[in-house]
Amino acid sequence: MRILLMLVPISLVLLGIAVWAFVWAVRKGQFDDLDTPPLDILADDEDDPPPRDRGQRDAD
């Protein structure tokens, strides 16, 4: 029964930390745009040069 006297305050502290982290993330804008980041990885970068072929270097 004494363990409850220790576990309840610990769980309340952890809950407070979790709520604080969520509020901090919302205020910093972490949840503003949830649709675009997964699509950005599928887009091709036009600025990157094409990779060189290793076989072409050996032929030179």
C-alpha atoms as a PDB file:
ATOM      1  CA  MET A   1       0.000   0.000   0.000  1.00  0.00           C
ATOM      2  CA  ARG A   2       2.945   2.316   0.594  1.00  0.00           C
ATOM      3  CA  ILE A   3       3.954   1.963  -3.038  1.00  0.00           C
ATOM      4  CA  LEU A   4       0.788   3.814  -4.048  1.00  0.00           C
ATOM      5  CA  LEU A   5       1.915   6.795  -2.006  1.00  0.00           C
ATOM      6  CA  MET A   6       4.979   6.926  -4.233  1.00  0.00           C
ATOM      7  CA  LEU A   7       3.481   5.931  -7.600  1.00  0.00           C
ATOM      8  CA  VAL A   8       0.574   8.389  -7.600  1.00  0.00           C
ATOM      9  CA  PRO A   9       2.779  11.509  -7.290  1.00  0.00           C
ATOM     10  CA  ILE A  10       5.233  10.121  -9.842  1.00  0.00           C
ATOM     11  CA  SER A  11       2.423   9.491 -12.327  1.00  0.00           C
ATOM     12  CA  LEU A  12       1.031  12.990 -11.751  1.00  0.00           C
ATOM     13  CA  VAL A  13       4.456  14.512 -12.408  1.00  0.00           C
ATOM     14  CA  LEU A  14       4.807  12.487 -15.614  1.00  0.00           C
ATOM     15  CA  LEU A  15       1.324  13.552 -16.687  1.00  0.00           C
ATOM     16  CA  GLY A  16       2.242  17.180 -16.070  1.00  0.00           C
ATOM     17  CA  ILE A  17       5.397  16.810 -18.170  1.00  0.00           C
ATOM     18  CA  ALA A  18       3.407  15.224 -21.003  1.00  0.00           C
ATOM     19  CA  VAL A  19       0.796  18.006 -20.954  1.00  0.00           C
ATOM     20  CA  TRP A  20       3.546  20.652 -20.894  1.00  0.00           C
ATOM     21  CA  ALA A  21       5.314  19.003 -23.877  1.00  0.00           C
ATOM     22  CA  PHE A  22       2.063  18.914 -25.846  1.00  0.00           C
ATOM     23  CA  VAL A  23       1.284  22.568 -25.125  1.00  0.00           C
ATOM     24  CA  TRP A  24       4.850  23.540 -26.042  1.00  0.00           C
ATOM     25  CA  ALA A  25       4.608  21.667 -29.364  1.00  0.00           C
ATOM     26  CA  VAL A  26       1.287  23.307 -30.214  1.00  0.00           C
ATOM     27  CA  ARG A  27       2.630  26.782 -29.452  1.00  0.00           C
ATOM     28  CA  LYS A  28       5.760  26.162 -31.547  1.00  0.00           C
ATOM     29  CA  GLY A  29       3.612  25.167 -34.553  1.00  0.00           C
ATOM     30  CA  GLN A  30       4.524  21.495 -34.748  1.00  0.00           C
ATOM     31  CA  PHE A  31       0.980  20.541 -35.719  1.00  0.00           C
ATOM     32  CA  ASP A  32       0.261  23.364 -38.199  1.00  0.00           C
ATOM     33  CA  ASP A  33       0.796  21.431 -41.444  1.00  0.00           C
ATOM     34  CA  LEU A  34       0.331  17.676 -41.244  1.00  0.00           C
ATOM     35  CA  ASP A  35      -0.310  17.002 -44.947  1.00  0.00           C
ATOM     36  CA  THR A  36       2.649  18.527 -46.799  1.00  0.00           C
ATOM     37  CA  PRO A  37       5.728  16.897 -45.159  1.00  0.00           C
ATOM     38  CA  PRO A  38       4.865  13.344 -46.293  1.00  0.00           C
ATOM     39  CA  LEU A  39       4.416  14.628 -49.850  1.00  0.00           C
ATOM     40  CA  ASP A  40       7.646  16.650 -49.881  1.00  0.00           C
ATOM     41  CA  ILE A  41       9.760  13.509 -49.773  1.00  0.00           C
ATOM     42  CA  LEU A  42       8.132  12.278 -52.979  1.00  0.00           C
ATOM     43  CA  ALA A  43       9.002  15.429 -54.945  1.00  0.00           C
ATOM     44  CA  ASP A  44      12.100  15.381 -57.139  1.00  0.00           C
ATOM     45  CA  ASP A  45      14.774  17.960 -56.468  1.00  0.00           C
ATOM     46  CA  GLU A  46      15.553  19.807 -59.700  1.00  0.00           C
ATOM     47  CA  ASP A  47      18.728  21.375 -58.272  1.00  0.00           C
ATOM     48  CA  ASP A  48      20.609  18.117 -57.722  1.00  0.00           C
ATOM     49  CA  PRO A  49      22.854  16.985 -60.587  1.00  0.00           C
ATOM     50  CA  PRO A  50      22.384  13.427 -61.835  1.00  0.00           C
ATOM     51  CA  PRO A  51      24.779  10.883 -60.294  1.00  0.00           C
ATOM     52  CA  ARG A  52      27.872   9.974 -62.306  1.00  0.00           C
ATOM     53  CA  ASP A  53      28.156   6.464 -63.628  1.00  0.00           C
ATOM     54  CA  ARG A  54      31.130   4.639 -62.085  1.00  0.00           C
ATOM     55  CA  GLY A  55      31.754   2.672 -65.247  1.00  0.00           C
ATOM     56  CA  GLN A  56      32.203   5.895 -67.215  1.00  0.00           C
ATOM     57  CA  ARG A  57      35.065   6.975 -64.960  1.00  0.00           C
ATOM     58  CA  ASP A  58      36.921   3.709 -65.575  1.00  0.00           C
ATOM     59  CA  ALA A  59      36.585   4.086 -69.342  1.00  0.00           C
ATOM     60  CA  ASP A  60      38.216   7.552 -69.346  1.00  0.00           C
END
